Amino acid sequence: MSEWLLSWRFWALLSAGFAAATAILAKVGIDGVAPDVATFIRTIVVLALAGAILAASGQAQELGRVSGRNLVFLILSGLATGASWLCYFRALALGDAGRVAPLDKLSVVLVAVFGVLFLGERLTPHHWLGVGLIAAGAGLLAWRA
């Protein structure tokens, strides 16, 4: 397998690209559709895609190997994802994609803070500067002049 396919940076950048496409496609798709209905449709598509990937890759048998602890945290993560999506689609229905998405990406700031507080991760001063710049940038993008 190629070295870049094993790089977390590659997959994170690909995720960012898909997240950007998600915002634009969702903003167009939600026009005239209730936000909760749009979220439901999106969730069905994600579920079908994930199921197809599991089946095609032969990973479906791994479902039986998930521990109870893992299951609890994955369920909680799924609930948080659902709540995030519901709020995101409601925000997209009410605001511009170019202003909603940056505020949504304040999750980057929160993940950094929560990682330090709850996971014992460490950030250097230049990492904290980056976190601050992300927060400031999101605020500037969302602020109406």
N, C-alpha and C. Protein backbone atom coordinates (compact mmCIF):
# COMPACT_ATOMS: atom_id res chain seq x y z
N MET A 1 0.85 -1.18 0.00
CA MET A 1 0.00 0.00 0.00
C MET A 1 0.89 1.24 0.00
N SER A 2 0.49 2.24 -0.73
CA SER A 2 1.25 3.48 -0.83
C SER A 2 1.42 4.13 0.54
N GLU A 3 2.55 4.78 0.72
CA GLU A 3 2.83 5.44 1.99
C GLU A 3 1.80 6.52 2.31
N TRP A 4 1.36 7.26 1.29
CA TRP A 4 0.40 8.33 1.53
C TRP A 4 -0.96 7.79 1.94
N LEU A 5 -1.30 6.56 1.53
CA LEU A 5 -2.57 5.96 1.96
C LEU A 5 -2.54 5.59 3.44
N LEU A 6 -1.35 5.49 4.02
CA LEU A 6 -1.20 5.17 5.43
C LEU A 6 -1.00 6.42 6.29
N SER A 7 -1.05 7.59 5.67
CA SER A 7 -0.80 8.84 6.38
C SER A 7 -2.10 9.42 6.93
N TRP A 8 -2.09 9.75 8.20
CA TRP A 8 -3.28 10.36 8.80
C TRP A 8 -3.55 11.72 8.17
N ARG A 9 -2.49 12.41 7.75
CA ARG A 9 -2.66 13.73 7.13
C ARG A 9 -3.45 13.63 5.82
N PHE A 10 -3.15 12.63 5.01
CA PHE A 10 -3.87 12.42 3.76
C PHE A 10 -5.37 12.25 4.03
N TRP A 11 -5.70 11.37 4.95
CA TRP A 11 -7.10 11.09 5.24
C TRP A 11 -7.79 12.28 5.90
N ALA A 12 -7.08 13.04 6.72
CA ALA A 12 -7.66 14.23 7.34
C ALA A 12 -7.96 15.29 6.28
N LEU A 13 -7.04 15.47 5.32
CA LEU A 13 -7.28 16.44 4.24
C LEU A 13 -8.42 15.98 3.34
N LEU A 14 -8.49 14.70 3.08
CA LEU A 14 -9.60 14.16 2.29
C LEU A 14 -10.92 14.39 3.02
N SER A 15 -10.92 14.18 4.34
CA SER A 15 -12.10 14.43 5.16
C SER A 15 -12.52 15.89 5.05
N ALA A 16 -11.55 16.80 5.11
CA ALA A 16 -11.85 18.23 5.00
C ALA A 16 -12.48 18.54 3.65
N GLY A 17 -11.96 17.94 2.60
CA GLY A 17 -12.52 18.15 1.27
C GLY A 17 -13.95 17.67 1.18
N PHE A 18 -14.20 16.48 1.72
CA PHE A 18 -15.57 15.96 1.71
C PHE A 18 -16.49 16.80 2.60
N ALA A 19 -15.97 17.29 3.72
CA ALA A 19 -16.78 18.14 4.60
C ALA A 19 -17.16 19.43 3.89
N ALA A 20 -16.22 19.99 3.11
CA ALA A 20 -16.53 21.20 2.35
C ALA A 20 -17.61 20.91 1.31
N ALA A 21 -17.46 19.78 0.62
CA ALA A 21 -18.48 19.39 -0.37
C ALA A 21 -19.82 19.18 0.32
N THR A 22 -19.80 18.60 1.50
CA THR A 22 -21.03 18.37 2.27
C THR A 22 -21.77 19.67 2.51
N ALA A 23 -21.06 20.70 2.92
CA ALA A 23 -21.71 21.98 3.22
C ALA A 23 -22.37 22.57 1.98
N ILE A 24 -21.66 22.56 0.88
CA ILE A 24 -22.19 23.16 -0.34
C ILE A 24 -23.37 22.33 -0.88
N LEU A 25 -23.19 21.01 -0.96
CA LEU A 25 -24.25 20.14 -1.46
C LEU A 25 -25.48 20.18 -0.56
N ALA A 26 -25.26 20.21 0.74
CA ALA A 26 -26.38 20.26 1.69
C ALA A 26 -27.13 21.57 1.57
N LYS A 27 -26.41 22.67 1.42
CA LYS A 27 -27.07 23.98 1.31
C LYS A 27 -27.98 24.01 0.09
N VAL A 28 -27.55 23.44 -1.02
CA VAL A 28 -28.39 23.37 -2.21
C VAL A 28 -29.53 22.38 -2.00
N GLY A 29 -29.23 21.22 -1.41
CA GLY A 29 -30.23 20.17 -1.23
C GLY A 29 -31.29 20.48 -0.21
N ILE A 30 -31.00 21.36 0.74
CA ILE A 30 -31.95 21.63 1.82
C ILE A 30 -32.99 22.68 1.43
N ASP A 31 -32.78 23.35 0.29
CA ASP A 31 -33.70 24.39 -0.15
C ASP A 31 -35.13 23.83 -0.28
N GLY A 32 -36.01 24.31 0.56
CA GLY A 32 -37.41 23.88 0.53
C GLY A 32 -37.67 22.57 1.26
N VAL A 33 -36.66 22.05 1.96
CA VAL A 33 -36.80 20.78 2.69
C VAL A 33 -36.59 21.08 4.18
N ALA A 34 -37.41 20.49 5.02
CA ALA A 34 -37.24 20.66 6.46
C ALA A 34 -35.88 20.12 6.88
N PRO A 35 -35.15 20.82 7.74
CA PRO A 35 -33.82 20.39 8.14
C PRO A 35 -33.76 18.97 8.70
N ASP A 36 -34.76 18.58 9.50
CA ASP A 36 -34.76 17.24 10.07
C ASP A 36 -34.97 16.17 9.01
N VAL A 37 -35.78 16.48 8.00
CA VAL A 37 -36.00 15.55 6.89
C VAL A 37 -34.69 15.39 6.11
N ALA A 38 -34.01 16.51 5.87
CA ALA A 38 -32.73 16.46 5.15
C ALA A 38 -31.71 15.63 5.93
N THR A 39 -31.67 15.81 7.23
CA THR A 39 -30.75 15.04 8.06
C THR A 39 -31.07 13.55 7.99
N PHE A 40 -32.35 13.21 8.01
CA PHE A 40 -32.77 11.81 7.92
C PHE A 40 -32.30 11.19 6.61
N ILE A 41 -32.52 11.90 5.51
CA ILE A 41 -32.10 11.38 4.20
C ILE A 41 -30.58 11.19 4.17
N ARG A 42 -29.85 12.18 4.65
CA ARG A 42 -28.39 12.09 4.69
C ARG A 42 -27.93 10.90 5.53
N THR A 43 -28.59 10.68 6.64
CA THR A 43 -28.23 9.58 7.54
C THR A 43 -28.45 8.23 6.88
N ILE A 44 -29.54 8.09 6.15
CA ILE A 44 -29.80 6.84 5.42
C ILE A 44 -28.69 6.57 4.42
N VAL A 45 -28.28 7.62 3.71
CA VAL A 45 -27.21 7.46 2.72
C VAL A 45 -25.90 7.06 3.39
N VAL A 46 -25.57 7.70 4.51
CA VAL A 46 -24.33 7.36 5.23
C VAL A 46 -24.39 5.92 5.73
N LEU A 47 -25.53 5.51 6.28
CA LEU A 47 -25.69 4.14 6.77
C LEU A 47 -25.53 3.13 5.63
N ALA A 48 -26.16 3.39 4.49
CA ALA A 48 -26.05 2.48 3.34
C ALA A 48 -24.61 2.41 2.84
N LEU A 49 -23.93 3.56 2.76
CA LEU A 49 -22.55 3.58 2.29
C LEU A 49 -21.63 2.82 3.25
N ALA A 50 -21.78 3.07 4.55
CA ALA A 50 -20.94 2.38 5.54
C ALA A 50 -21.20 0.87 5.50
N GLY A 51 -22.46 0.48 5.37
CA GLY A 51 -22.79 -0.95 5.27
C GLY A 51 -22.19 -1.58 4.04
N ALA A 52 -22.26 -0.89 2.91
CA ALA A 52 -21.67 -1.41 1.67
C ALA A 52 -20.16 -1.56 1.80
N ILE A 53 -19.51 -0.60 2.45
CA ILE A 53 -18.06 -0.69 2.65
C ILE A 53 -17.72 -1.88 3.53
N LEU A 54 -18.48 -2.08 4.60
CA LEU A 54 -18.24 -3.24 5.48
C LEU A 54 -18.39 -4.54 4.71
N ALA A 55 -19.45 -4.64 3.94
CA ALA A 55 -19.70 -5.86 3.18
C ALA A 55 -18.62 -6.10 2.13
N ALA A 56 -18.28 -5.06 1.39
CA ALA A 56 -17.30 -5.20 0.30
C ALA A 56 -15.90 -5.49 0.81
N SER A 57 -15.57 -4.97 1.99
CA SER A 57 -14.22 -5.14 2.52
C SER A 57 -14.08 -6.38 3.41
N GLY A 58 -15.19 -7.06 3.66
CA GLY A 58 -15.13 -8.25 4.51
C GLY A 58 -15.00 -7.95 5.99
N GLN A 59 -15.33 -6.74 6.39
CA GLN A 59 -15.18 -6.35 7.80
C GLN A 59 -16.45 -6.55 8.62
N ALA A 60 -17.52 -7.03 8.01
CA ALA A 60 -18.79 -7.17 8.72
C ALA A 60 -18.67 -8.08 9.94
N GLN A 61 -17.81 -9.11 9.86
CA GLN A 61 -17.65 -10.02 11.00
C GLN A 61 -17.03 -9.32 12.21
N GLU A 62 -16.39 -8.17 11.99
CA GLU A 62 -15.80 -7.41 13.09
C GLU A 62 -16.86 -6.86 14.05
N LEU A 63 -18.09 -6.74 13.58
CA LEU A 63 -19.17 -6.22 14.43
C LEU A 63 -19.33 -7.07 15.69
N GLY A 64 -19.14 -8.36 15.58
CA GLY A 64 -19.27 -9.25 16.73
C GLY A 64 -18.12 -9.14 17.72
N ARG A 65 -17.06 -8.46 17.35
CA ARG A 65 -15.88 -8.34 18.21
C ARG A 65 -15.81 -7.02 18.97
N VAL A 66 -16.84 -6.19 18.83
CA VAL A 66 -16.84 -4.90 19.51
C VAL A 66 -17.19 -5.12 20.98
N SER A 67 -16.34 -4.62 21.87
CA SER A 67 -16.57 -4.80 23.31
C SER A 67 -17.74 -3.94 23.78
N GLY A 68 -18.26 -4.25 24.95
CA GLY A 68 -19.35 -3.48 25.53
C GLY A 68 -18.95 -2.03 25.75
N ARG A 69 -17.74 -1.82 26.25
CA ARG A 69 -17.24 -0.46 26.49
C ARG A 69 -17.16 0.31 25.18
N ASN A 70 -16.57 -0.34 24.15
CA ASN A 70 -16.49 0.32 22.84
C ASN A 70 -17.87 0.65 22.32
N LEU A 71 -18.80 -0.27 22.49
CA LEU A 71 -20.16 -0.08 21.99
C LEU A 71 -20.82 1.13 22.66
N VAL A 72 -20.67 1.25 23.97
CA VAL A 72 -21.26 2.38 24.69
C VAL A 72 -20.72 3.70 24.14
N PHE A 73 -19.39 3.79 23.99
CA PHE A 73 -18.81 5.04 23.52
C PHE A 73 -19.13 5.31 22.05
N LEU A 74 -19.23 4.27 21.25
CA LEU A 74 -19.61 4.46 19.84
C LEU A 74 -21.07 4.89 19.72
N ILE A 75 -21.94 4.36 20.59
CA ILE A 75 -23.33 4.79 20.60
C ILE A 75 -23.42 6.25 21.02
N LEU A 76 -22.68 6.62 22.06
CA LEU A 76 -22.67 8.01 22.50
C LEU A 76 -22.13 8.92 21.39
N SER A 77 -21.10 8.48 20.71
CA SER A 77 -20.54 9.24 19.59
C SER A 77 -21.58 9.38 18.47
N GLY A 78 -22.31 8.31 18.21
CA GLY A 78 -23.37 8.36 17.20
C GLY A 78 -24.47 9.35 17.58
N LEU A 79 -24.83 9.37 18.85
CA LEU A 79 -25.83 10.33 19.31
C LEU A 79 -25.32 11.76 19.16
N ALA A 80 -24.06 11.98 19.49
CA ALA A 80 -23.46 13.30 19.32
C ALA A 80 -23.41 13.69 17.84
N THR A 81 -23.08 12.72 16.99
CA THR A 81 -23.06 12.98 15.54
C THR A 81 -24.45 13.37 15.05
N GLY A 82 -25.45 12.62 15.47
CA GLY A 82 -26.81 12.92 15.06
C GLY A 82 -27.24 14.31 15.52
N ALA A 83 -26.92 14.65 16.76
CA ALA A 83 -27.27 15.97 17.27
C ALA A 83 -26.53 17.05 16.48
N SER A 84 -25.27 16.81 16.18
CA SER A 84 -24.47 17.76 15.40
C SER A 84 -25.08 17.96 14.02
N TRP A 85 -25.44 16.88 13.36
CA TRP A 85 -26.03 16.96 12.02
C TRP A 85 -27.36 17.70 12.04
N LEU A 86 -28.20 17.41 13.03
CA LEU A 86 -29.49 18.08 13.13
C LEU A 86 -29.28 19.60 13.30
N CYS A 87 -28.36 19.97 14.16
CA CYS A 87 -28.07 21.39 14.38
C CYS A 87 -27.45 22.03 13.15
N TYR A 88 -26.56 21.31 12.48
CA TYR A 88 -25.88 21.81 11.29
C TYR A 88 -26.88 22.08 10.17
N PHE A 89 -27.78 21.14 9.93
CA PHE A 89 -28.77 21.33 8.87
C PHE A 89 -29.73 22.46 9.21
N ARG A 90 -30.08 22.60 10.47
CA ARG A 90 -30.94 23.72 10.89
C ARG A 90 -30.21 25.04 10.65
N ALA A 91 -28.91 25.09 10.99
CA ALA A 91 -28.12 26.30 10.76
C ALA A 91 -28.00 26.60 9.26
N LEU A 92 -27.79 25.55 8.44
CA LEU A 92 -27.69 25.75 6.99
C LEU A 92 -29.01 26.27 6.41
N ALA A 93 -30.11 25.80 6.96
CA ALA A 93 -31.42 26.26 6.47
C ALA A 93 -31.62 27.74 6.78
N LEU A 94 -30.97 28.23 7.82
CA LEU A 94 -31.17 29.61 8.26
C LEU A 94 -30.07 30.57 7.82
N GLY A 95 -28.88 30.04 7.51
CA GLY A 95 -27.75 30.92 7.23
C GLY A 95 -26.97 30.52 5.99
N ASP A 96 -25.99 31.34 5.66
CA ASP A 96 -25.11 31.09 4.52
C ASP A 96 -24.12 29.97 4.85
N ALA A 97 -23.89 29.08 3.89
CA ALA A 97 -22.95 27.98 4.09
C ALA A 97 -21.56 28.49 4.46
N GLY A 98 -21.14 29.59 3.84
CA GLY A 98 -19.82 30.15 4.11
C GLY A 98 -19.66 30.75 5.48
N ARG A 99 -20.76 30.94 6.18
CA ARG A 99 -20.70 31.45 7.55
C ARG A 99 -21.05 30.37 8.56
N VAL A 100 -21.90 29.43 8.16
CA VAL A 100 -22.28 28.33 9.06
C VAL A 100 -21.09 27.38 9.25
N ALA A 101 -20.47 26.97 8.14
CA ALA A 101 -19.39 25.98 8.22
C ALA A 101 -18.23 26.41 9.12
N PRO A 102 -17.76 27.66 9.06
CA PRO A 102 -16.66 28.04 9.96
C PRO A 102 -17.04 27.92 11.44
N LEU A 103 -18.26 28.30 11.78
CA LEU A 103 -18.66 28.15 13.19
C LEU A 103 -18.74 26.68 13.57
N ASP A 104 -19.24 25.86 12.64
CA ASP A 104 -19.27 24.42 12.88
C ASP A 104 -17.87 23.89 13.13
N LYS A 105 -16.90 24.46 12.44
CA LYS A 105 -15.51 23.98 12.57
C LYS A 105 -14.84 24.47 13.86
N LEU A 106 -15.57 25.23 14.67
CA LEU A 106 -15.06 25.50 16.01
C LEU A 106 -14.93 24.20 16.79
N SER A 107 -15.50 23.13 16.24
CA SER A 107 -15.31 21.80 16.84
C SER A 107 -13.82 21.48 16.92
N VAL A 108 -13.02 22.00 16.00
CA VAL A 108 -11.58 21.78 16.03
C VAL A 108 -11.00 22.36 17.33
N VAL A 109 -11.44 23.55 17.68
CA VAL A 109 -10.99 24.20 18.90
C VAL A 109 -11.45 23.39 20.12
N LEU A 110 -12.72 22.98 20.10
CA LEU A 110 -13.25 22.22 21.23
C LEU A 110 -12.56 20.86 21.37
N VAL A 111 -12.25 20.21 20.26
CA VAL A 111 -11.55 18.92 20.33
C VAL A 111 -10.17 19.11 20.96
N ALA A 112 -9.49 20.17 20.59
CA ALA A 112 -8.17 20.43 21.19
C ALA A 112 -8.29 20.62 22.69
N VAL A 113 -9.24 21.44 23.11
CA VAL A 113 -9.43 21.70 24.55
C VAL A 113 -9.87 20.44 25.27
N PHE A 114 -10.86 19.72 24.72
CA PHE A 114 -11.34 18.49 25.35
C PHE A 114 -10.25 17.42 25.37
N GLY A 115 -9.43 17.36 24.33
CA GLY A 115 -8.34 16.40 24.29
C GLY A 115 -7.38 16.61 25.45
N VAL A 116 -7.10 17.88 25.74
CA VAL A 116 -6.23 18.21 26.87
C VAL A 116 -6.92 17.89 28.19
N LEU A 117 -8.18 18.31 28.33
CA LEU A 117 -8.90 18.14 29.59
C LEU A 117 -9.25 16.69 29.92
N PHE A 118 -9.68 15.94 28.90
CA PHE A 118 -10.23 14.61 29.17
C PHE A 118 -9.36 13.45 28.72
N LEU A 119 -8.47 13.68 27.76
CA LEU A 119 -7.65 12.58 27.24
C LEU A 119 -6.19 12.69 27.64
N GLY A 120 -5.84 13.76 28.33
CA GLY A 120 -4.46 13.93 28.77
C GLY A 120 -3.51 14.28 27.64
N GLU A 121 -4.03 14.78 26.54
CA GLU A 121 -3.16 15.17 25.43
C GLU A 121 -2.46 16.48 25.79
N ARG A 122 -1.33 16.70 25.16
CA ARG A 122 -0.55 17.91 25.44
C ARG A 122 -0.43 18.74 24.18
N LEU A 123 -0.59 20.05 24.34
CA LEU A 123 -0.41 20.97 23.23
C LEU A 123 0.72 21.93 23.58
N THR A 124 1.58 22.17 22.62
CA THR A 124 2.68 23.12 22.81
C THR A 124 2.14 24.53 22.60
N PRO A 125 2.93 25.54 22.98
CA PRO A 125 2.47 26.92 22.75
C PRO A 125 2.11 27.21 21.29
N HIS A 126 2.86 26.66 20.34
CA HIS A 126 2.51 26.95 18.94
C HIS A 126 1.21 26.22 18.55
N HIS A 127 0.91 25.09 19.18
CA HIS A 127 -0.38 24.44 18.94
C HIS A 127 -1.52 25.32 19.48
N TRP A 128 -1.33 25.87 20.68
CA TRP A 128 -2.36 26.74 21.26
C TRP A 128 -2.56 27.99 20.39
N LEU A 129 -1.46 28.50 19.82
CA LEU A 129 -1.58 29.64 18.91
C LEU A 129 -2.46 29.25 17.71
N GLY A 130 -2.23 28.07 17.18
CA GLY A 130 -3.04 27.59 16.06
C GLY A 130 -4.50 27.46 16.45
N VAL A 131 -4.77 26.93 17.64
CA VAL A 131 -6.15 26.81 18.13
C VAL A 131 -6.79 28.19 18.23
N GLY A 132 -6.03 29.14 18.75
CA GLY A 132 -6.54 30.51 18.87
C GLY A 132 -6.81 31.14 17.51
N LEU A 133 -5.93 30.90 16.55
CA LEU A 133 -6.12 31.44 15.21
C LEU A 133 -7.34 30.82 14.52
N ILE A 134 -7.56 29.52 14.74
CA ILE A 134 -8.75 28.87 14.19
C ILE A 134 -10.01 29.51 14.78
N ALA A 135 -10.01 29.71 16.09
CA ALA A 135 -11.16 30.34 16.74
C ALA A 135 -11.39 31.75 16.20
N ALA A 136 -10.31 32.53 16.09
CA ALA A 136 -10.43 33.89 15.58
C ALA A 136 -10.91 33.89 14.14
N GLY A 137 -10.36 33.01 13.33
CA GLY A 137 -10.77 32.93 11.92
C GLY A 137 -12.23 32.55 11.77
N ALA A 138 -12.69 31.59 12.57
CA ALA A 138 -14.10 31.19 12.51
C ALA A 138 -14.98 32.37 12.89
N GLY A 139 -14.59 33.10 13.91
CA GLY A 139 -15.36 34.26 14.34
C GLY A 139 -15.40 35.34 13.26
N LEU A 140 -14.27 35.59 12.63
CA LEU A 140 -14.23 36.59 11.56
C LEU A 140 -15.08 36.20 10.36
N LEU A 141 -15.05 34.92 10.00
CA LEU A 141 -15.84 34.45 8.86
C LEU A 141 -17.34 34.50 9.15
N ALA A 142 -17.71 34.27 10.39
CA ALA A 142 -19.12 34.23 10.75
C ALA A 142 -19.70 35.62 11.05
N TRP A 143 -18.83 36.57 11.35
CA TRP A 143 -19.25 37.91 11.72
C TRP A 143 -19.74 38.67 10.50
N ARG A 144 -20.87 39.28 10.61
CA ARG A 144 -21.42 40.08 9.51
C ARG A 144 -20.95 41.51 9.68
N ALA A 145 -20.20 42.00 8.68
CA ALA A 145 -19.66 43.36 8.74
C ALA A 145 -20.72 44.39 8.44
